[in-house]
Amino acid sequence: MLSTETSRQKANPRTGRRERRRIQTRDKLFRSALKLFAKHGFFETTTQDITEAADVGQGTFFNYFPSKQHVLMALFEMQVGKIVEARRAAAFGKMPIARVLQRLMQQIGEEPGRSAALTRSLIVAFLSSEEARGAAAKMLAQARKELRAIMVIAQRRGEIRKNLRPADLAAAYQKRVLGTMLFYAIQDCRLSTELNRTFRHFWAEVTRRP
């Protein structure tokens, strides 16, 4: 989970030089891979292309990622990590749940929002690879569990209607985010704007009194 590793590195000044270098190299490979996926497509990008772009030895890639599909998994792990942090913010912070969920949508859109081409490439990769699709399904399920916990907290605080099942709310939130990503990939619009619009519609629905 790249973002978590980087934050831990900053939080712990005693992190060894070798460990810092390892984290930096992995992040460089990850970022280089995403840029190439956006430019050339997932299947047209080779591991050699990635190592050349990251300016590391050709075999270095496999020290961090067993395959190109594992770069996709790293991206999903990063997204799940953001949802975990949102659940912690909801549980232990004083921020309104509306703000927690709206900010989370924007955070989830950060990586795909770098370019519509990247989002299209990622969608094609996930739909074309059974291994990647299966792993993505598991991570989506994990993400829904975290989102469900946030919805439970919101209902407990009276911020969301209590006549809706938290699991259904979590699934609805997730589907709206994914649908907005697909819309962005096709329309090549401003993702942050579309996500804000999506959130407003979602929040209006879950807070509307029956």
C-alpha atoms as a PDB file:
ATOM      1  CA  MET A   1       0.000   0.000   0.000  1.00  0.00           C
ATOM      2  CA  LEU A   2       2.120   2.811  -1.328  1.00  0.00           C
ATOM      3  CA  SER A   3       0.521   5.790   0.368  1.00  0.00           C
ATOM      4  CA  THR A   4       0.577   4.069   3.762  1.00  0.00           C
ATOM      5  CA  GLU A   5       4.181   3.011   3.376  1.00  0.00           C
ATOM      6  CA  THR A   6       5.241   6.505   2.424  1.00  0.00           C
ATOM      7  CA  SER A   7       3.408   8.080   5.370  1.00  0.00           C
ATOM      8  CA  ARG A   8       4.985   5.585   7.771  1.00  0.00           C
ATOM      9  CA  GLN A   9       8.374   6.399   6.347  1.00  0.00           C
ATOM     10  CA  LYS A  10       7.829  10.110   7.041  1.00  0.00           C
ATOM     11  CA  ALA A  11       6.387   9.428  10.475  1.00  0.00           C
ATOM     12  CA  ASN A  12       9.347   7.314  11.527  1.00  0.00           C
ATOM     13  CA  PRO A  13      12.600   9.228  11.024  1.00  0.00           C
ATOM     14  CA  ARG A  14      14.564   6.160  12.126  1.00  0.00           C
ATOM     15  CA  THR A  15      13.498   4.192   9.048  1.00  0.00           C
ATOM     16  CA  GLY A  16      16.682   2.696   7.638  1.00  0.00           C
ATOM     17  CA  ARG A  17      18.251   3.986   4.462  1.00  0.00           C
ATOM     18  CA  ARG A  18      17.776   0.628   2.750  1.00  0.00           C
ATOM     19  CA  GLU A  19      14.076   0.554   3.643  1.00  0.00           C
ATOM     20  CA  ARG A  20      13.571   4.130   2.427  1.00  0.00           C
ATOM     21  CA  ARG A  21      15.279   3.256  -0.838  1.00  0.00           C
ATOM     22  CA  ARG A  22      13.108   0.166  -1.208  1.00  0.00           C
ATOM     23  CA  ILE A  23       9.923   2.209  -0.731  1.00  0.00           C
ATOM     24  CA  GLN A  24      11.111   4.886  -3.154  1.00  0.00           C
ATOM     25  CA  THR A  25      12.016   2.327  -5.827  1.00  0.00           C
ATOM     26  CA  ARG A  26       8.663   0.578  -5.542  1.00  0.00           C
ATOM     27  CA  ASP A  27       6.839   3.872  -5.786  1.00  0.00           C
ATOM     28  CA  LYS A  28       8.897   4.892  -8.826  1.00  0.00           C
ATOM     29  CA  LEU A  29       8.070   1.614 -10.563  1.00  0.00           C
ATOM     30  CA  PHE A  30       4.400   1.977  -9.677  1.00  0.00           C
ATOM     31  CA  ARG A  31       4.157   5.563 -10.965  1.00  0.00           C
ATOM     32  CA  SER A  32       6.100   4.761 -14.117  1.00  0.00           C
ATOM     33  CA  ALA A  33       3.822   1.804 -14.829  1.00  0.00           C
ATOM     34  CA  LEU A  34       0.673   3.918 -14.486  1.00  0.00           C
ATOM     35  CA  LYS A  35       2.047   6.577 -16.824  1.00  0.00           C
ATOM     36  CA  LEU A  36       2.877   3.950 -19.437  1.00  0.00           C
ATOM     37  CA  PHE A  37      -0.509   2.249 -19.046  1.00  0.00           C
ATOM     38  CA  ALA A  38      -2.131   5.605 -19.777  1.00  0.00           C
ATOM     39  CA  LYS A  39       0.090   6.289 -22.783  1.00  0.00           C
ATOM     40  CA  HIS A  40       0.324   2.871 -24.427  1.00  0.00           C
ATOM     41  CA  GLY A  41      -2.276   0.702 -22.701  1.00  0.00           C
ATOM     42  CA  PHE A  42      -1.827  -2.051 -20.145  1.00  0.00           C
ATOM     43  CA  PHE A  43      -1.221  -4.934 -22.542  1.00  0.00           C
ATOM     44  CA  GLU A  44       1.141  -2.995 -24.812  1.00  0.00           C
ATOM     45  CA  THR A  45       3.364  -1.980 -21.874  1.00  0.00           C
ATOM     46  CA  THR A  46       6.162  -4.415 -20.986  1.00  0.00           C
ATOM     47  CA  THR A  47       8.027  -4.773 -17.726  1.00  0.00           C
ATOM     48  CA  GLN A  48      11.139  -3.667 -19.587  1.00  0.00           C
ATOM     49  CA  ASP A  49       9.339  -0.462 -20.591  1.00  0.00           C
ATOM     50  CA  ILE A  50       8.504   0.133 -16.930  1.00  0.00           C
ATOM     51  CA  THR A  51      12.035  -0.416 -15.636  1.00  0.00           C
ATOM     52  CA  GLU A  52      13.482   1.817 -18.351  1.00  0.00           C
ATOM     53  CA  ALA A  53      11.015   4.576 -17.482  1.00  0.00           C
ATOM     54  CA  ALA A  54      11.839   4.182 -13.784  1.00  0.00           C
ATOM     55  CA  ASP A  55      15.578   4.135 -14.598  1.00  0.00           C
ATOM     56  CA  VAL A  56      16.276   0.893 -12.734  1.00  0.00           C
ATOM     57  CA  GLY A  57      17.675  -2.478 -13.730  1.00  0.00           C
ATOM     58  CA  GLN A  58      15.444  -4.690 -15.857  1.00  0.00           C
ATOM     59  CA  GLY A  59      15.144  -7.406 -13.215  1.00  0.00           C
ATOM     60  CA  THR A  60      14.317  -4.913 -10.464  1.00  0.00           C
ATOM     61  CA  PHE A  61      10.628  -4.918 -11.354  1.00  0.00           C
ATOM     62  CA  PHE A  62      10.161  -8.501 -10.181  1.00  0.00           C
ATOM     63  CA  ASN A  63      11.709  -7.713  -6.806  1.00  0.00           C
ATOM     64  CA  TYR A  64       8.594  -5.632  -6.089  1.00  0.00           C
ATOM     65  CA  PHE A  65       5.837  -6.924  -8.379  1.00  0.00           C
ATOM     66  CA  PRO A  66       5.533 -10.572  -9.481  1.00  0.00           C
ATOM     67  CA  SER A  67       3.705  -9.429 -12.630  1.00  0.00           C
ATOM     68  CA  LYS A  68       2.099  -6.411 -14.301  1.00  0.00           C
ATOM     69  CA  GLN A  69      -1.223  -7.496 -12.780  1.00  0.00           C
ATOM     70  CA  HIS A  70       0.265  -6.901  -9.343  1.00  0.00           C
ATOM     71  CA  VAL A  71       0.676  -3.216 -10.213  1.00  0.00           C
ATOM     72  CA  LEU A  72      -3.102  -3.150 -10.612  1.00  0.00           C
ATOM     73  CA  MET A  73      -3.447  -4.914  -7.271  1.00  0.00           C
ATOM     74  CA  ALA A  74      -1.206  -2.311  -5.661  1.00  0.00           C
ATOM     75  CA  LEU A  75      -3.518   0.396  -6.980  1.00  0.00           C
ATOM     76  CA  PHE A  76      -6.543  -1.368  -5.539  1.00  0.00           C
ATOM     77  CA  GLU A  77      -4.765  -1.842  -2.209  1.00  0.00           C
ATOM     78  CA  MET A  78      -4.079   1.887  -2.164  1.00  0.00           C
ATOM     79  CA  GLN A  79      -7.757   2.620  -2.757  1.00  0.00           C
ATOM     80  CA  VAL A  80      -8.870   0.214  -0.030  1.00  0.00           C
ATOM     81  CA  GLY A  81      -6.355   1.854   2.315  1.00  0.00           C
ATOM     82  CA  LYS A  82      -8.058   5.212   1.736  1.00  0.00           C
ATOM     83  CA  ILE A  83     -11.402   3.688   2.681  1.00  0.00           C
ATOM     84  CA  VAL A  84      -9.911   2.199   5.851  1.00  0.00           C
ATOM     85  CA  GLU A  85      -8.589   5.633   6.806  1.00  0.00           C
ATOM     86  CA  ALA A  86     -12.019   7.140   6.142  1.00  0.00           C
ATOM     87  CA  ARG A  87     -13.635   4.565   8.425  1.00  0.00           C
ATOM     88  CA  ARG A  88     -11.152   5.443  11.160  1.00  0.00           C
ATOM     89  CA  ALA A  89     -11.874   9.140  10.669  1.00  0.00           C
ATOM     90  CA  ALA A  90     -15.586   8.429  10.986  1.00  0.00           C
ATOM     91  CA  ALA A  91     -15.128   6.287  14.090  1.00  0.00           C
ATOM     92  CA  PHE A  92     -12.642   8.394  16.035  1.00  0.00           C
ATOM     93  CA  GLY A  93     -12.946  11.899  14.583  1.00  0.00           C
ATOM     94  CA  LYS A  94     -15.531  14.645  14.841  1.00  0.00           C
ATOM     95  CA  MET A  95     -15.898  15.258  11.131  1.00  0.00           C
ATOM     96  CA  PRO A  96     -19.480  14.956   9.792  1.00  0.00           C
ATOM     97  CA  ILE A  97     -19.995  11.728   7.857  1.00  0.00           C
ATOM     98  CA  ALA A  98     -21.067  13.717   4.802  1.00  0.00           C
ATOM     99  CA  ARG A  99     -17.643  15.351   4.753  1.00  0.00           C
ATOM    100  CA  VAL A 100     -15.898  12.006   5.341  1.00  0.00           C
ATOM    101  CA  LEU A 101     -17.664  10.351   2.411  1.00  0.00           C
ATOM    102  CA  GLN A 102     -17.338  13.316   0.052  1.00  0.00           C
ATOM    103  CA  ARG A 103     -13.624  13.622   0.748  1.00  0.00           C
ATOM    104  CA  LEU A 104     -13.247   9.859   0.286  1.00  0.00           C
ATOM    105  CA  MET A 105     -14.798  10.033  -3.180  1.00  0.00           C
ATOM    106  CA  GLN A 106     -12.262  12.659  -4.181  1.00  0.00           C
ATOM    107  CA  GLN A 107      -9.390  10.630  -2.728  1.00  0.00           C
ATOM    108  CA  ILE A 108     -10.481   7.524  -4.615  1.00  0.00           C
ATOM    109  CA  GLY A 109     -10.517   9.581  -7.805  1.00  0.00           C
ATOM    110  CA  GLU A 110      -6.997  10.941  -7.349  1.00  0.00           C
ATOM    111  CA  GLU A 111      -5.118   8.212  -9.229  1.00  0.00           C
ATOM    112  CA  PRO A 112      -7.645   7.514 -12.043  1.00  0.00           C
ATOM    113  CA  GLY A 113      -8.239  11.265 -12.309  1.00  0.00           C
ATOM    114  CA  ARG A 114      -4.714  11.815 -13.571  1.00  0.00           C
ATOM    115  CA  SER A 115      -6.030  10.995 -17.052  1.00  0.00           C
ATOM    116  CA  ALA A 116      -9.062   9.452 -18.698  1.00  0.00           C
ATOM    117  CA  ALA A 117      -6.666   7.361 -20.777  1.00  0.00           C
ATOM    118  CA  LEU A 118      -5.309   5.749 -17.608  1.00  0.00           C
ATOM    119  CA  THR A 119      -8.837   4.988 -16.395  1.00  0.00           C
ATOM    120  CA  ARG A 120      -9.714   3.386 -19.745  1.00  0.00           C
ATOM    121  CA  SER A 121      -6.550   1.311 -19.651  1.00  0.00           C
ATOM    122  CA  LEU A 122      -7.275   0.118 -16.114  1.00  0.00           C
ATOM    123  CA  ILE A 123     -10.860  -0.807 -16.970  1.00  0.00           C
ATOM    124  CA  VAL A 124      -9.730  -2.816 -19.993  1.00  0.00           C
ATOM    125  CA  ALA A 125      -7.057  -4.577 -17.933  1.00  0.00           C
ATOM    126  CA  PHE A 126      -9.466  -5.566 -15.170  1.00  0.00           C
ATOM    127  CA  LEU A 127     -12.123  -6.787 -17.585  1.00  0.00           C
ATOM    128  CA  SER A 128      -9.674  -8.720 -19.765  1.00  0.00           C
ATOM    129  CA  SER A 129      -7.739 -10.573 -17.067  1.00  0.00           C
ATOM    130  CA  GLU A 130      -9.503 -13.234 -15.000  1.00  0.00           C
ATOM    131  CA  GLU A 131      -6.776 -13.033 -12.354  1.00  0.00           C
ATOM    132  CA  ALA A 132      -7.064  -9.254 -12.046  1.00  0.00           C
ATOM    133  CA  ARG A 133     -10.865  -9.376 -12.133  1.00  0.00           C
ATOM    134  CA  GLY A 134     -10.998 -11.961  -9.350  1.00  0.00           C
ATOM    135  CA  ALA A 135      -8.595 -10.038  -7.151  1.00  0.00           C
ATOM    136  CA  ALA A 136     -10.503  -6.808  -7.809  1.00  0.00           C
ATOM    137  CA  ALA A 137     -13.767  -8.470  -6.782  1.00  0.00           C
ATOM    138  CA  LYS A 138     -12.228  -9.509  -3.457  1.00  0.00           C
ATOM    139  CA  MET A 139     -10.920  -6.011  -2.792  1.00  0.00           C
ATOM    140  CA  LEU A 140     -14.258  -4.472  -3.716  1.00  0.00           C
ATOM    141  CA  ALA A 141     -15.871  -6.759  -1.145  1.00  0.00           C
ATOM    142  CA  GLN A 142     -13.316  -5.678   1.451  1.00  0.00           C
ATOM    143  CA  ALA A 143     -13.993  -2.043   0.593  1.00  0.00           C
ATOM    144  CA  ARG A 144     -17.746  -2.566   1.015  1.00  0.00           C
ATOM    145  CA  LYS A 145     -17.177  -3.925   4.522  1.00  0.00           C
ATOM    146  CA  GLU A 146     -15.318  -0.746   5.452  1.00  0.00           C
ATOM    147  CA  LEU A 147     -17.980   1.418   3.816  1.00  0.00           C
ATOM    148  CA  ARG A 148     -20.704  -0.496   5.638  1.00  0.00           C
ATOM    149  CA  ALA A 149     -19.007   0.343   8.941  1.00  0.00           C
ATOM    150  CA  ILE A 150     -19.081   4.041   7.998  1.00  0.00           C
ATOM    151  CA  MET A 151     -22.785   3.821   7.156  1.00  0.00           C
ATOM    152  CA  VAL A 152     -23.500   2.199  10.532  1.00  0.00           C
ATOM    153  CA  ILE A 153     -21.754   5.099  12.280  1.00  0.00           C
ATOM    154  CA  ALA A 154     -23.714   7.605  10.169  1.00  0.00           C
ATOM    155  CA  GLN A 155     -27.022   5.978  11.086  1.00  0.00           C
ATOM    156  CA  ARG A 156     -26.055   5.835  14.743  1.00  0.00           C
ATOM    157  CA  ARG A 157     -25.394   9.580  14.646  1.00  0.00           C
ATOM    158  CA  GLY A 158     -28.660  10.224  12.843  1.00  0.00           C
ATOM    159  CA  GLU A 159     -26.946  11.587   9.728  1.00  0.00           C
ATOM    160  CA  ILE A 160     -28.385   8.939   7.385  1.00  0.00           C
ATOM    161  CA  ARG A 161     -31.851   7.403   7.205  1.00  0.00           C
ATOM    162  CA  LYS A 162     -32.169   4.395   9.500  1.00  0.00           C
ATOM    163  CA  ASN A 163     -34.661   2.516   7.331  1.00  0.00           C
ATOM    164  CA  LEU A 164     -31.903   1.568   4.857  1.00  0.00           C
ATOM    165  CA  ARG A 165     -29.585  -1.411   5.264  1.00  0.00           C
ATOM    166  CA  PRO A 166     -25.949  -0.331   5.788  1.00  0.00           C
ATOM    167  CA  ALA A 167     -24.795  -3.020   3.348  1.00  0.00           C
ATOM    168  CA  ASP A 168     -27.099  -1.600   0.665  1.00  0.00           C
ATOM    169  CA  LEU A 169     -25.822   1.911   1.353  1.00  0.00           C
ATOM    170  CA  ALA A 170     -22.223   0.735   1.029  1.00  0.00           C
ATOM    171  CA  ALA A 171     -22.968  -1.008  -2.269  1.00  0.00           C
ATOM    172  CA  ALA A 172     -24.829   2.034  -3.608  1.00  0.00           C
ATOM    173  CA  TYR A 173     -21.912   4.326  -2.739  1.00  0.00           C
ATOM    174  CA  GLN A 174     -19.432   1.985  -4.383  1.00  0.00           C
ATOM    175  CA  LYS A 175     -21.526   1.567  -7.532  1.00  0.00           C
ATOM    176  CA  ARG A 176     -21.916   5.319  -7.919  1.00  0.00           C
ATOM    177  CA  VAL A 177     -18.178   5.862  -7.643  1.00  0.00           C
ATOM    178  CA  LEU A 178     -17.437   3.135 -10.204  1.00  0.00           C
ATOM    179  CA  GLY A 179     -20.156   4.424 -12.519  1.00  0.00           C
ATOM    180  CA  THR A 180     -18.718   7.927 -12.365  1.00  0.00           C
ATOM    181  CA  MET A 181     -15.272   6.536 -13.206  1.00  0.00           C
ATOM    182  CA  LEU A 182     -16.706   4.804 -16.265  1.00  0.00           C
ATOM    183  CA  PHE A 183     -18.497   8.005 -17.316  1.00  0.00           C
ATOM    184  CA  TYR A 184     -15.234   9.918 -16.930  1.00  0.00           C
ATOM    185  CA  ALA A 185     -13.331   7.341 -18.984  1.00  0.00           C
ATOM    186  CA  ILE A 186     -15.788   7.731 -21.857  1.00  0.00           C
ATOM    187  CA  GLN A 187     -16.536  11.457 -21.658  1.00  0.00           C
ATOM    188  CA  ASP A 188     -13.052  12.654 -20.662  1.00  0.00           C
ATOM    189  CA  CYS A 189     -14.564  15.301 -18.363  1.00  0.00           C
ATOM    190  CA  ARG A 190     -13.307  16.709 -15.054  1.00  0.00           C
ATOM    191  CA  LEU A 191     -13.489  13.785 -12.641  1.00  0.00           C
ATOM    192  CA  SER A 192     -13.475  15.823  -9.424  1.00  0.00           C
ATOM    193  CA  THR A 193     -16.506  17.797 -10.631  1.00  0.00           C
ATOM    194  CA  GLU A 194     -18.396  14.653 -11.585  1.00  0.00           C
ATOM    195  CA  LEU A 195     -17.591  12.997  -8.254  1.00  0.00           C
ATOM    196  CA  ASN A 196     -18.905  16.015  -6.345  1.00  0.00           C
ATOM    197  CA  ARG A 197     -22.108  15.875  -8.376  1.00  0.00           C
ATOM    198  CA  THR A 198     -22.378  12.132  -7.735  1.00  0.00           C
ATOM    199  CA  PHE A 199     -21.936  12.623  -4.018  1.00  0.00           C
ATOM    200  CA  ARG A 200     -24.594  15.311  -3.815  1.00  0.00           C
ATOM    201  CA  HIS A 201     -27.108  13.006  -5.483  1.00  0.00           C
ATOM    202  CA  PHE A 202     -26.133  10.095  -3.231  1.00  0.00           C
ATOM    203  CA  TRP A 203     -26.337  12.143  -0.048  1.00  0.00           C
ATOM    204  CA  ALA A 204     -29.685  13.664  -0.994  1.00  0.00           C
ATOM    205  CA  GLU A 205     -31.092  10.176  -1.469  1.00  0.00           C
ATOM    206  CA  VAL A 206     -29.786   8.647   1.758  1.00  0.00           C
ATOM    207  CA  THR A 207     -30.883  11.594   3.888  1.00  0.00           C
ATOM    208  CA  ARG A 208     -34.300  12.110   2.258  1.00  0.00           C
ATOM    209  CA  ARG A 209     -37.084  11.334   4.703  1.00  0.00           C
ATOM    210  CA  PRO A 210     -39.544   8.694   3.469  1.00  0.00           C
END
